[in-house]
Amino acid sequence: MLFGKLLPREGNFFELFNEHGGFILEGARAFQKMIENYSNPALRQQYADEVDKAEHAADRVTAEVNRLLHRTFITPIDREQIHSLINAMDDILDLLQDSSETLSLYDVRAVPEQVLQLCTLSVRCCERVQHAVTLLPNLSKPATTEAALKTCEEIDRLESDADRVMRSAMSRLFREEADVRELIKLKAIYEQLESISDRCEDVANLIEGIVLENS
């Protein structure tokens, strides 16, 4: 009992979630800027560096959440939910960074319009992830619960939109791209970009579960 009294009872988990959500949005917007300025090598590198910076900052937040879990006696929501949520959020930024690096490693010289479309949908998903996370501390309010569930539904719809864009992009790629090397490169990139919205949907599903259990 004495040991339990010495440990923090709540911890600043919600603040850390918010901080991480901010880095997700920073990374997503930097990635979009990189794609929009892809024809400019200097700007492309500048925004790729910003994606890396956001990913490294988010990793530190994830590590702090996991450390805090070990030091906190009573958590504001289920411990497993905290662990799953922060790691699912971290997966989003990892994929953004991976996508940025893949474009460079594969030496992609120009990006098709479908890459920008998938990127834009990814950013919109990340914006809603960040918003949903800000609502978690106030789930006792019915209006907040409703807003959180609505935001999760929006993420699900955006993920479906990304699926459709990817299928269309793949169909066009296999019909029109004669260079096998380019086909392989773009296929991998399309799949990676679509996976960003999948990871956002994973976060939405976790948040939905938290909302339903704690509202």
C-alpha atoms as a PDB file:
ATOM      1  CA  MET A   1       0.000   0.000   0.000  1.00  0.00           C
ATOM      2  CA  LEU A   2       2.830   2.399   0.842  1.00  0.00           C
ATOM      3  CA  PHE A   3       4.448   1.716  -2.542  1.00  0.00           C
ATOM      4  CA  GLY A   4       1.183   2.566  -4.318  1.00  0.00           C
ATOM      5  CA  LYS A   5       0.858   5.844  -2.417  1.00  0.00           C
ATOM      6  CA  LEU A   6       4.318   6.919  -3.534  1.00  0.00           C
ATOM      7  CA  LEU A   7       3.531   6.494  -7.231  1.00  0.00           C
ATOM      8  CA  PRO A   8       1.735   9.171  -9.298  1.00  0.00           C
ATOM      9  CA  ARG A   9      -1.976   8.423  -9.554  1.00  0.00           C
ATOM     10  CA  GLU A  10      -2.813   9.947 -12.933  1.00  0.00           C
ATOM     11  CA  GLY A  11       0.151  11.098 -14.975  1.00  0.00           C
ATOM     12  CA  ASN A  12      -0.034  13.532 -17.865  1.00  0.00           C
ATOM     13  CA  PHE A  13      -1.026  10.957 -20.473  1.00  0.00           C
ATOM     14  CA  PHE A  14      -3.591  13.143 -22.216  1.00  0.00           C
ATOM     15  CA  GLU A  15      -1.065  15.985 -22.547  1.00  0.00           C
ATOM     16  CA  LEU A  16       1.431  13.551 -24.057  1.00  0.00           C
ATOM     17  CA  PHE A  17      -1.190  12.216 -26.481  1.00  0.00           C
ATOM     18  CA  ASN A  18      -1.888  15.807 -27.549  1.00  0.00           C
ATOM     19  CA  GLU A  19       1.803  16.483 -27.994  1.00  0.00           C
ATOM     20  CA  HIS A  20       2.243  13.369 -30.107  1.00  0.00           C
ATOM     21  CA  GLY A  21      -0.822  14.256 -32.178  1.00  0.00           C
ATOM     22  CA  GLY A  22       0.751  17.621 -32.909  1.00  0.00           C
ATOM     23  CA  PHE A  23       3.892  15.926 -34.199  1.00  0.00           C
ATOM     24  CA  ILE A  24       1.803  13.613 -36.396  1.00  0.00           C
ATOM     25  CA  LEU A  25       0.206  16.647 -37.990  1.00  0.00           C
ATOM     26  CA  GLU A  26       3.563  18.407 -38.388  1.00  0.00           C
ATOM     27  CA  GLY A  27       5.029  15.339 -40.081  1.00  0.00           C
ATOM     28  CA  ALA A  28       2.006  14.859 -42.371  1.00  0.00           C
ATOM     29  CA  ARG A  29       1.993  18.480 -43.492  1.00  0.00           C
ATOM     30  CA  ALA A  30       5.756  18.451 -44.080  1.00  0.00           C
ATOM     31  CA  PHE A  31       5.336  15.287 -46.166  1.00  0.00           C
ATOM     32  CA  GLN A  32       2.612  16.965 -48.217  1.00  0.00           C
ATOM     33  CA  LYS A  33       4.895  19.968 -48.784  1.00  0.00           C
ATOM     34  CA  MET A  34       7.629  17.585 -49.889  1.00  0.00           C
ATOM     35  CA  ILE A  35       5.311  16.012 -52.479  1.00  0.00           C
ATOM     36  CA  GLU A  36       4.009  19.388 -53.660  1.00  0.00           C
ATOM     37  CA  ASN A  37       7.590  20.615 -54.146  1.00  0.00           C
ATOM     38  CA  TYR A  38       9.011  17.332 -55.361  1.00  0.00           C
ATOM     39  CA  SER A  39      10.500  18.819 -58.526  1.00  0.00           C
ATOM     40  CA  ASN A  40      12.690  21.111 -56.401  1.00  0.00           C
ATOM     41  CA  PRO A  41      15.483  18.948 -54.859  1.00  0.00           C
ATOM     42  CA  ALA A  42      16.407  21.516 -52.194  1.00  0.00           C
ATOM     43  CA  LEU A  43      12.830  21.962 -50.972  1.00  0.00           C
ATOM     44  CA  ARG A  44      12.227  18.233 -51.229  1.00  0.00           C
ATOM     45  CA  GLN A  45      15.137  17.596 -48.864  1.00  0.00           C
ATOM     46  CA  GLN A  46      14.110  20.418 -46.547  1.00  0.00           C
ATOM     47  CA  TYR A  47      10.636  18.965 -46.044  1.00  0.00           C
ATOM     48  CA  ALA A  48      11.983  15.400 -45.803  1.00  0.00           C
ATOM     49  CA  ASP A  49      14.186  16.626 -42.946  1.00  0.00           C
ATOM     50  CA  GLU A  50      11.102  18.119 -41.278  1.00  0.00           C
ATOM     51  CA  VAL A  51       9.334  14.752 -41.504  1.00  0.00           C
ATOM     52  CA  ASP A  52      12.346  13.127 -39.822  1.00  0.00           C
ATOM     53  CA  LYS A  53      12.393  15.794 -37.124  1.00  0.00           C
ATOM     54  CA  ALA A  54       8.702  15.258 -36.304  1.00  0.00           C
ATOM     55  CA  GLU A  55       9.177  11.488 -36.223  1.00  0.00           C
ATOM     56  CA  HIS A  56      12.125  11.702 -33.816  1.00  0.00           C
ATOM     57  CA  ALA A  57      10.225  14.115 -31.550  1.00  0.00           C
ATOM     58  CA  ALA A  58       7.206  11.790 -31.510  1.00  0.00           C
ATOM     59  CA  ASP A  59       9.447   8.837 -30.630  1.00  0.00           C
ATOM     60  CA  ARG A  60      10.557  10.718 -27.511  1.00  0.00           C
ATOM     61  CA  VAL A  61       6.924  11.272 -26.522  1.00  0.00           C
ATOM     62  CA  THR A  62       6.140   7.591 -27.057  1.00  0.00           C
ATOM     63  CA  ALA A  63       9.089   6.616 -24.870  1.00  0.00           C
ATOM     64  CA  GLU A  64       7.922   9.041 -22.166  1.00  0.00           C
ATOM     65  CA  VAL A  65       4.406   7.551 -22.209  1.00  0.00           C
ATOM     66  CA  ASN A  66       5.813   4.042 -21.800  1.00  0.00           C
ATOM     67  CA  ARG A  67       8.093   5.188 -18.945  1.00  0.00           C
ATOM     68  CA  LEU A  68       5.198   6.956 -17.270  1.00  0.00           C
ATOM     69  CA  LEU A  69       3.079   3.814 -17.467  1.00  0.00           C
ATOM     70  CA  HIS A  70       5.646   2.033 -15.290  1.00  0.00           C
ATOM     71  CA  ARG A  71       5.659   4.850 -12.724  1.00  0.00           C
ATOM     72  CA  THR A  72       1.922   5.517 -12.494  1.00  0.00           C
ATOM     73  CA  PHE A  73      -0.217   3.624 -10.000  1.00  0.00           C
ATOM     74  CA  ILE A  74      -3.682   4.592 -11.287  1.00  0.00           C
ATOM     75  CA  THR A  75      -4.110   5.662 -14.927  1.00  0.00           C
ATOM     76  CA  PRO A  76      -6.995   7.787 -16.298  1.00  0.00           C
ATOM     77  CA  ILE A  77      -7.924   5.052 -18.794  1.00  0.00           C
ATOM     78  CA  ASP A  78      -6.992   1.381 -19.083  1.00  0.00           C
ATOM     79  CA  ARG A  79      -3.225   0.821 -19.170  1.00  0.00           C
ATOM     80  CA  GLU A  80      -3.418  -1.419 -22.230  1.00  0.00           C
ATOM     81  CA  GLN A  81      -5.470   1.227 -24.037  1.00  0.00           C
ATOM     82  CA  ILE A  82      -2.784   3.820 -23.316  1.00  0.00           C
ATOM     83  CA  HIS A  83      -0.031   1.511 -24.539  1.00  0.00           C
ATOM     84  CA  SER A  84      -1.926   0.504 -27.690  1.00  0.00           C
ATOM     85  CA  LEU A  85      -2.963   4.059 -28.543  1.00  0.00           C
ATOM     86  CA  ILE A  86       0.454   5.693 -28.272  1.00  0.00           C
ATOM     87  CA  ASN A  87       2.090   2.913 -30.276  1.00  0.00           C
ATOM     88  CA  ALA A  88      -0.604   3.050 -32.964  1.00  0.00           C
ATOM     89  CA  MET A  89      -0.115   6.811 -33.190  1.00  0.00           C
ATOM     90  CA  ASP A  90       3.621   6.282 -33.502  1.00  0.00           C
ATOM     91  CA  ASP A  91       3.045   3.877 -36.390  1.00  0.00           C
ATOM     92  CA  ILE A  92       1.505   6.740 -38.405  1.00  0.00           C
ATOM     93  CA  LEU A  93       4.634   8.859 -38.219  1.00  0.00           C
ATOM     94  CA  ASP A  94       6.873   5.865 -38.832  1.00  0.00           C
ATOM     95  CA  LEU A  95       5.015   5.258 -42.102  1.00  0.00           C
ATOM     96  CA  LEU A  96       5.249   8.908 -43.101  1.00  0.00           C
ATOM     97  CA  GLN A  97       8.993   8.768 -42.558  1.00  0.00           C
ATOM     98  CA  ASP A  98       9.250   5.422 -44.375  1.00  0.00           C
ATOM     99  CA  SER A  99       7.340   6.844 -47.345  1.00  0.00           C
ATOM    100  CA  SER A 100       9.631   9.859 -47.478  1.00  0.00           C
ATOM    101  CA  GLU A 101      12.718   7.654 -47.377  1.00  0.00           C
ATOM    102  CA  THR A 102      11.337   5.217 -49.956  1.00  0.00           C
ATOM    103  CA  LEU A 103      10.901   7.990 -52.521  1.00  0.00           C
ATOM    104  CA  SER A 104      14.561   8.859 -52.052  1.00  0.00           C
ATOM    105  CA  LEU A 105      15.903   5.297 -51.916  1.00  0.00           C
ATOM    106  CA  TYR A 106      13.990   4.296 -55.050  1.00  0.00           C
ATOM    107  CA  ASP A 107      15.303   7.418 -56.800  1.00  0.00           C
ATOM    108  CA  VAL A 108      11.827   8.489 -57.901  1.00  0.00           C
ATOM    109  CA  ARG A 109      12.355  11.497 -60.174  1.00  0.00           C
ATOM    110  CA  ALA A 110       8.737  12.638 -60.526  1.00  0.00           C
ATOM    111  CA  VAL A 111       5.550  11.747 -58.663  1.00  0.00           C
ATOM    112  CA  PRO A 112       2.211  11.099 -60.414  1.00  0.00           C
ATOM    113  CA  GLU A 113      -0.943  12.973 -59.433  1.00  0.00           C
ATOM    114  CA  GLN A 114      -2.206   9.903 -57.557  1.00  0.00           C
ATOM    115  CA  VAL A 115       0.679  10.217 -55.092  1.00  0.00           C
ATOM    116  CA  LEU A 116      -0.459  13.731 -54.204  1.00  0.00           C
ATOM    117  CA  GLN A 117      -4.070  12.542 -53.916  1.00  0.00           C
ATOM    118  CA  LEU A 118      -3.096   9.805 -51.472  1.00  0.00           C
ATOM    119  CA  CYS A 119      -0.876  12.232 -49.597  1.00  0.00           C
ATOM    120  CA  THR A 120      -3.718  14.757 -49.264  1.00  0.00           C
ATOM    121  CA  LEU A 121      -6.044  12.072 -47.894  1.00  0.00           C
ATOM    122  CA  SER A 122      -3.324  11.041 -45.424  1.00  0.00           C
ATOM    123  CA  VAL A 123      -3.038  14.612 -44.156  1.00  0.00           C
ATOM    124  CA  ARG A 124      -6.797  14.874 -43.724  1.00  0.00           C
ATOM    125  CA  CYS A 125      -6.758  11.610 -41.748  1.00  0.00           C
ATOM    126  CA  CYS A 126      -3.924  12.903 -39.560  1.00  0.00           C
ATOM    127  CA  GLU A 127      -5.797  16.151 -38.907  1.00  0.00           C
ATOM    128  CA  ARG A 128      -8.749  14.153 -37.603  1.00  0.00           C
ATOM    129  CA  VAL A 129      -6.544  11.866 -35.527  1.00  0.00           C
ATOM    130  CA  GLN A 130      -5.034  14.929 -33.867  1.00  0.00           C
ATOM    131  CA  HIS A 131      -8.516  16.372 -33.242  1.00  0.00           C
ATOM    132  CA  ALA A 132      -9.889  13.121 -31.815  1.00  0.00           C
ATOM    133  CA  VAL A 133      -6.992  12.880 -29.362  1.00  0.00           C
ATOM    134  CA  THR A 134      -7.693  16.385 -28.020  1.00  0.00           C
ATOM    135  CA  LEU A 135     -11.190  15.240 -27.042  1.00  0.00           C
ATOM    136  CA  LEU A 136     -10.092  12.357 -24.816  1.00  0.00           C
ATOM    137  CA  PRO A 137      -9.778  14.308 -21.521  1.00  0.00           C
ATOM    138  CA  ASN A 138     -13.440  15.402 -21.675  1.00  0.00           C
ATOM    139  CA  LEU A 139     -15.298  12.197 -22.424  1.00  0.00           C
ATOM    140  CA  SER A 140     -17.607  12.755 -19.458  1.00  0.00           C
ATOM    141  CA  LYS A 141     -19.388  15.371 -21.588  1.00  0.00           C
ATOM    142  CA  PRO A 142     -21.955  13.872 -24.004  1.00  0.00           C
ATOM    143  CA  ALA A 143     -21.198  16.471 -26.681  1.00  0.00           C
ATOM    144  CA  THR A 144     -17.503  15.536 -26.571  1.00  0.00           C
ATOM    145  CA  THR A 145     -18.314  11.852 -26.844  1.00  0.00           C
ATOM    146  CA  GLU A 146     -20.471  12.519 -29.885  1.00  0.00           C
ATOM    147  CA  ALA A 147     -17.759  14.686 -31.482  1.00  0.00           C
ATOM    148  CA  ALA A 148     -15.114  12.021 -30.909  1.00  0.00           C
ATOM    149  CA  LEU A 149     -17.230   9.264 -32.466  1.00  0.00           C
ATOM    150  CA  LYS A 150     -18.069  11.505 -35.425  1.00  0.00           C
ATOM    151  CA  THR A 151     -14.373  12.222 -35.979  1.00  0.00           C
ATOM    152  CA  CYS A 152     -13.594   8.498 -35.917  1.00  0.00           C
ATOM    153  CA  GLU A 153     -16.301   7.932 -38.543  1.00  0.00           C
ATOM    154  CA  GLU A 154     -14.715  10.633 -40.712  1.00  0.00           C
ATOM    155  CA  ILE A 155     -11.369   8.837 -40.498  1.00  0.00           C
ATOM    156  CA  ASP A 156     -13.059   5.600 -41.602  1.00  0.00           C
ATOM    157  CA  ARG A 157     -14.565   7.367 -44.633  1.00  0.00           C
ATOM    158  CA  LEU A 158     -11.225   8.917 -45.573  1.00  0.00           C
ATOM    159  CA  GLU A 159      -9.562   5.503 -45.340  1.00  0.00           C
ATOM    160  CA  SER A 160     -12.175   4.155 -47.770  1.00  0.00           C
ATOM    161  CA  ASP A 161     -11.463   7.092 -50.095  1.00  0.00           C
ATOM    162  CA  ALA A 162      -7.748   6.256 -49.972  1.00  0.00           C
ATOM    163  CA  ASP A 163      -8.547   2.623 -50.845  1.00  0.00           C
ATOM    164  CA  ARG A 164     -10.453   3.761 -53.928  1.00  0.00           C
ATOM    165  CA  VAL A 165      -7.679   6.125 -55.026  1.00  0.00           C
ATOM    166  CA  MET A 166      -5.089   3.389 -54.634  1.00  0.00           C
ATOM    167  CA  ARG A 167      -7.121   0.853 -56.623  1.00  0.00           C
ATOM    168  CA  SER A 168      -7.585   3.379 -59.406  1.00  0.00           C
ATOM    169  CA  ALA A 169      -3.893   4.284 -59.325  1.00  0.00           C
ATOM    170  CA  MET A 170      -2.866   0.629 -59.473  1.00  0.00           C
ATOM    171  CA  SER A 171      -5.197  -0.049 -62.382  1.00  0.00           C
ATOM    172  CA  ARG A 172      -3.794   2.867 -64.343  1.00  0.00           C
ATOM    173  CA  LEU A 173      -0.232   1.946 -63.435  1.00  0.00           C
ATOM    174  CA  PHE A 174      -0.527  -1.610 -64.756  1.00  0.00           C
ATOM    175  CA  ARG A 175      -2.278  -0.439 -67.925  1.00  0.00           C
ATOM    176  CA  GLU A 176       0.023   2.437 -68.820  1.00  0.00           C
ATOM    177  CA  GLU A 177       3.495   1.993 -67.280  1.00  0.00           C
ATOM    178  CA  ALA A 178       5.787   0.177 -69.696  1.00  0.00           C
ATOM    179  CA  ASP A 179       8.938   0.456 -67.570  1.00  0.00           C
ATOM    180  CA  VAL A 180       8.895  -2.496 -65.153  1.00  0.00           C
ATOM    181  CA  ARG A 181      11.256  -0.781 -62.707  1.00  0.00           C
ATOM    182  CA  GLU A 182       9.002   2.284 -62.482  1.00  0.00           C
ATOM    183  CA  LEU A 183       5.974   0.051 -62.066  1.00  0.00           C
ATOM    184  CA  ILE A 184       7.572  -1.761 -59.125  1.00  0.00           C
ATOM    185  CA  LYS A 185       8.642   1.520 -57.504  1.00  0.00           C
ATOM    186  CA  LEU A 186       5.247   3.210 -57.823  1.00  0.00           C
ATOM    187  CA  LYS A 187       3.315   0.119 -56.746  1.00  0.00           C
ATOM    188  CA  ALA A 188       5.311   0.005 -53.502  1.00  0.00           C
ATOM    189  CA  ILE A 189       4.835   3.743 -52.930  1.00  0.00           C
ATOM    190  CA  TYR A 190       1.077   3.628 -53.558  1.00  0.00           C
ATOM    191  CA  GLU A 191       0.736   0.758 -51.079  1.00  0.00           C
ATOM    192  CA  GLN A 192       2.827   2.546 -48.473  1.00  0.00           C
ATOM    193  CA  LEU A 193       0.855   5.777 -48.788  1.00  0.00           C
ATOM    194  CA  GLU A 194      -2.455   3.959 -48.514  1.00  0.00           C
ATOM    195  CA  SER A 195      -1.165   2.252 -45.371  1.00  0.00           C
ATOM    196  CA  ILE A 196      -0.924   5.655 -43.648  1.00  0.00           C
ATOM    197  CA  SER A 197      -4.707   5.976 -43.717  1.00  0.00           C
ATOM    198  CA  ASP A 198      -4.952   2.356 -42.507  1.00  0.00           C
ATOM    199  CA  ARG A 199      -2.864   3.244 -39.454  1.00  0.00           C
ATOM    200  CA  CYS A 200      -5.050   6.304 -38.858  1.00  0.00           C
ATOM    201  CA  GLU A 201      -8.071   4.006 -38.949  1.00  0.00           C
ATOM    202  CA  ASP A 202      -6.366   1.769 -36.368  1.00  0.00           C
ATOM    203  CA  VAL A 203      -6.060   4.796 -34.088  1.00  0.00           C
ATOM    204  CA  ALA A 204      -9.696   5.735 -34.738  1.00  0.00           C
ATOM    205  CA  ASN A 205     -10.815   2.218 -33.761  1.00  0.00           C
ATOM    206  CA  LEU A 206      -8.830   2.421 -30.516  1.00  0.00           C
ATOM    207  CA  ILE A 207     -10.214   5.857 -29.699  1.00  0.00           C
ATOM    208  CA  GLU A 208     -13.728   4.646 -30.438  1.00  0.00           C
ATOM    209  CA  GLY A 209     -13.224   1.817 -27.959  1.00  0.00           C
ATOM    210  CA  ILE A 210     -11.906   4.224 -25.324  1.00  0.00           C
ATOM    211  CA  VAL A 211     -14.843   6.555 -25.884  1.00  0.00           C
ATOM    212  CA  LEU A 212     -17.445   3.806 -25.582  1.00  0.00           C
ATOM    213  CA  GLU A 213     -15.858   2.382 -22.421  1.00  0.00           C
ATOM    214  CA  ASN A 214     -15.265   5.681 -20.638  1.00  0.00           C
ATOM    215  CA  SER A 215     -18.153   7.953 -21.615  1.00  0.00           C
END
